[in-house]
């Protein structure tokens, strides 16, 4: 499971949210400075597990993308969705949200 990503496409009336996390982080909770909590739960991140290619095919339809973990954030960097160094780190885990509507403006 080490190189796998957990992912979930959440479809709402307001748009689509793609949640992606390094699979080994699923169902874990991390606490950072100031009491910030990162809860990588299956309810939000889903129970689908796949490779980067599985995730990439959903990116175009997503309006918001949530990336958690080194591989997930690294994928966002390689695809030009995330500026290197712009992620938050909570309990040692990188975390970023991408709002694509702002990127297209």
Protein backbone atom coordinates (compact mmCIF):
# COMPACT_ATOMS: atom_id res chain seq x y z
CA UNK A 1 0.00 0.00 0.00
CA UNK A 2 3.06 2.27 0.29
CA UNK A 3 2.78 3.98 -3.11
CA UNK A 4 -1.01 3.97 -3.31
CA UNK A 5 -3.33 6.95 -2.96
CA UNK A 6 -6.79 6.98 -1.38
CA UNK A 7 -9.25 9.21 -3.22
CA UNK A 8 -12.86 10.30 -3.31
CA UNK A 9 -14.78 12.56 -5.70
CA UNK A 10 -17.51 14.38 -3.79
CA UNK A 11 -20.12 15.81 -6.14
CA UNK A 12 -22.25 18.69 -4.85
CA UNK A 13 -24.59 21.26 -6.38
CA UNK A 14 -21.83 23.85 -5.84
CA UNK A 15 -19.09 21.85 -7.56
CA UNK A 16 -16.86 18.80 -7.26
CA UNK A 17 -14.31 18.17 -4.51
CA UNK A 18 -11.53 15.66 -5.08
CA UNK A 19 -9.99 14.44 -1.81
CA UNK A 20 -6.66 12.59 -2.13
CA UNK A 21 -4.39 11.20 0.60
CA UNK A 22 -1.41 8.88 0.77
CA UNK A 23 -3.15 5.56 1.48
CA UNK A 24 -1.14 4.74 4.60
CA UNK A 25 -2.45 7.94 6.24
CA UNK A 26 -6.09 6.88 5.91
CA UNK A 27 -7.97 6.72 9.23
CA UNK A 28 -5.20 8.52 11.12
CA UNK A 29 -5.29 11.81 12.98
CA UNK A 30 -2.41 14.29 13.21
CA UNK A 31 -1.99 17.26 15.54
CA UNK A 32 0.19 20.25 14.72
CA UNK A 33 1.27 23.50 16.29
CA UNK A 34 -1.43 25.55 17.93
CA UNK A 35 -3.67 22.49 18.19
CA UNK A 36 -4.37 22.22 14.44
CA UNK A 37 -5.84 18.79 13.68
CA UNK A 38 -5.70 16.88 10.41
CA UNK A 39 -8.19 14.00 10.40
CA UNK A 40 -7.60 11.76 7.37
CA UNK A 41 -10.85 9.85 7.62
CA UNK A 42 -12.38 7.41 5.17
CA UNK A 43 -15.69 9.28 5.22
CA UNK A 44 -14.10 12.24 3.40
CA UNK A 45 -11.14 10.66 1.58
CA UNK A 46 -13.08 7.57 0.54
CA UNK A 47 -12.23 3.91 0.33
CA UNK A 48 -10.97 3.83 -3.27
CA UNK A 49 -7.24 3.18 -3.44
CA UNK A 50 -5.23 3.45 -6.64
CA UNK A 51 -2.21 4.82 -8.43
CA UNK A 52 -1.49 8.38 -9.53
CA UNK A 53 -3.06 7.63 -12.93
CA UNK A 54 -6.35 6.73 -11.22
CA UNK A 55 -6.38 10.10 -9.44
CA UNK A 56 -5.26 12.21 -12.41
CA UNK A 57 -8.32 11.30 -14.46
CA UNK A 58 -10.56 13.02 -11.87
CA UNK A 59 -8.56 16.25 -11.57
CA UNK A 60 -10.09 17.93 -14.61
CA UNK A 61 -13.63 17.59 -13.23
CA UNK A 62 -12.69 18.81 -9.74
CA UNK A 63 -13.30 22.41 -8.66
CA UNK A 64 -11.51 21.95 -5.33
CA UNK A 65 -8.72 19.45 -4.69
CA UNK A 66 -7.57 18.47 -1.19
CA UNK A 67 -4.15 16.77 -1.09
CA UNK A 68 -2.71 15.14 2.05
CA UNK A 69 0.66 13.42 2.33
CA UNK A 70 4.03 13.65 0.62
CA UNK A 71 3.07 11.70 -2.52
CA UNK A 72 -0.30 13.40 -2.94
CA UNK A 73 1.14 16.90 -2.56
CA UNK A 74 4.07 15.88 -4.78
CA UNK A 75 1.60 14.89 -7.49
CA UNK A 76 0.01 18.32 -7.21
CA UNK A 77 3.47 19.90 -7.57
CA UNK A 78 4.31 17.84 -10.67
CA UNK A 79 0.98 18.73 -12.30
CA UNK A 80 1.50 22.44 -11.64
CA UNK A 81 -1.46 22.67 -9.25
CA UNK A 82 0.62 23.47 -6.17
CA UNK A 83 3.53 25.87 -5.79
CA UNK A 84 6.42 24.08 -4.08
CA UNK A 85 6.63 25.12 -0.44
CA UNK A 86 3.06 26.42 -0.28
CA UNK A 87 1.67 23.48 1.68
CA UNK A 88 0.83 23.50 5.37
CA UNK A 89 2.44 20.83 7.52
CA UNK A 90 0.32 19.42 10.34
CA UNK A 91 1.88 16.80 12.58
CA UNK A 92 4.62 16.26 9.98
CA UNK A 93 2.10 15.66 7.16
CA UNK A 94 1.91 18.07 4.19
CA UNK A 95 -1.58 19.35 3.37
CA UNK A 96 -2.88 21.65 0.64
CA UNK A 97 -6.18 22.77 -0.86
CA UNK A 98 -6.39 23.83 -4.51
CA UNK A 99 -9.25 26.04 -5.69
CA UNK A 100 -9.20 25.67 -9.46
CA UNK A 101 -11.73 28.43 -10.15
CA UNK A 102 -9.19 30.96 -8.82
CA UNK A 103 -6.43 29.43 -10.95
CA UNK A 104 -8.47 29.94 -14.13
CA UNK A 105 -9.33 33.60 -13.43
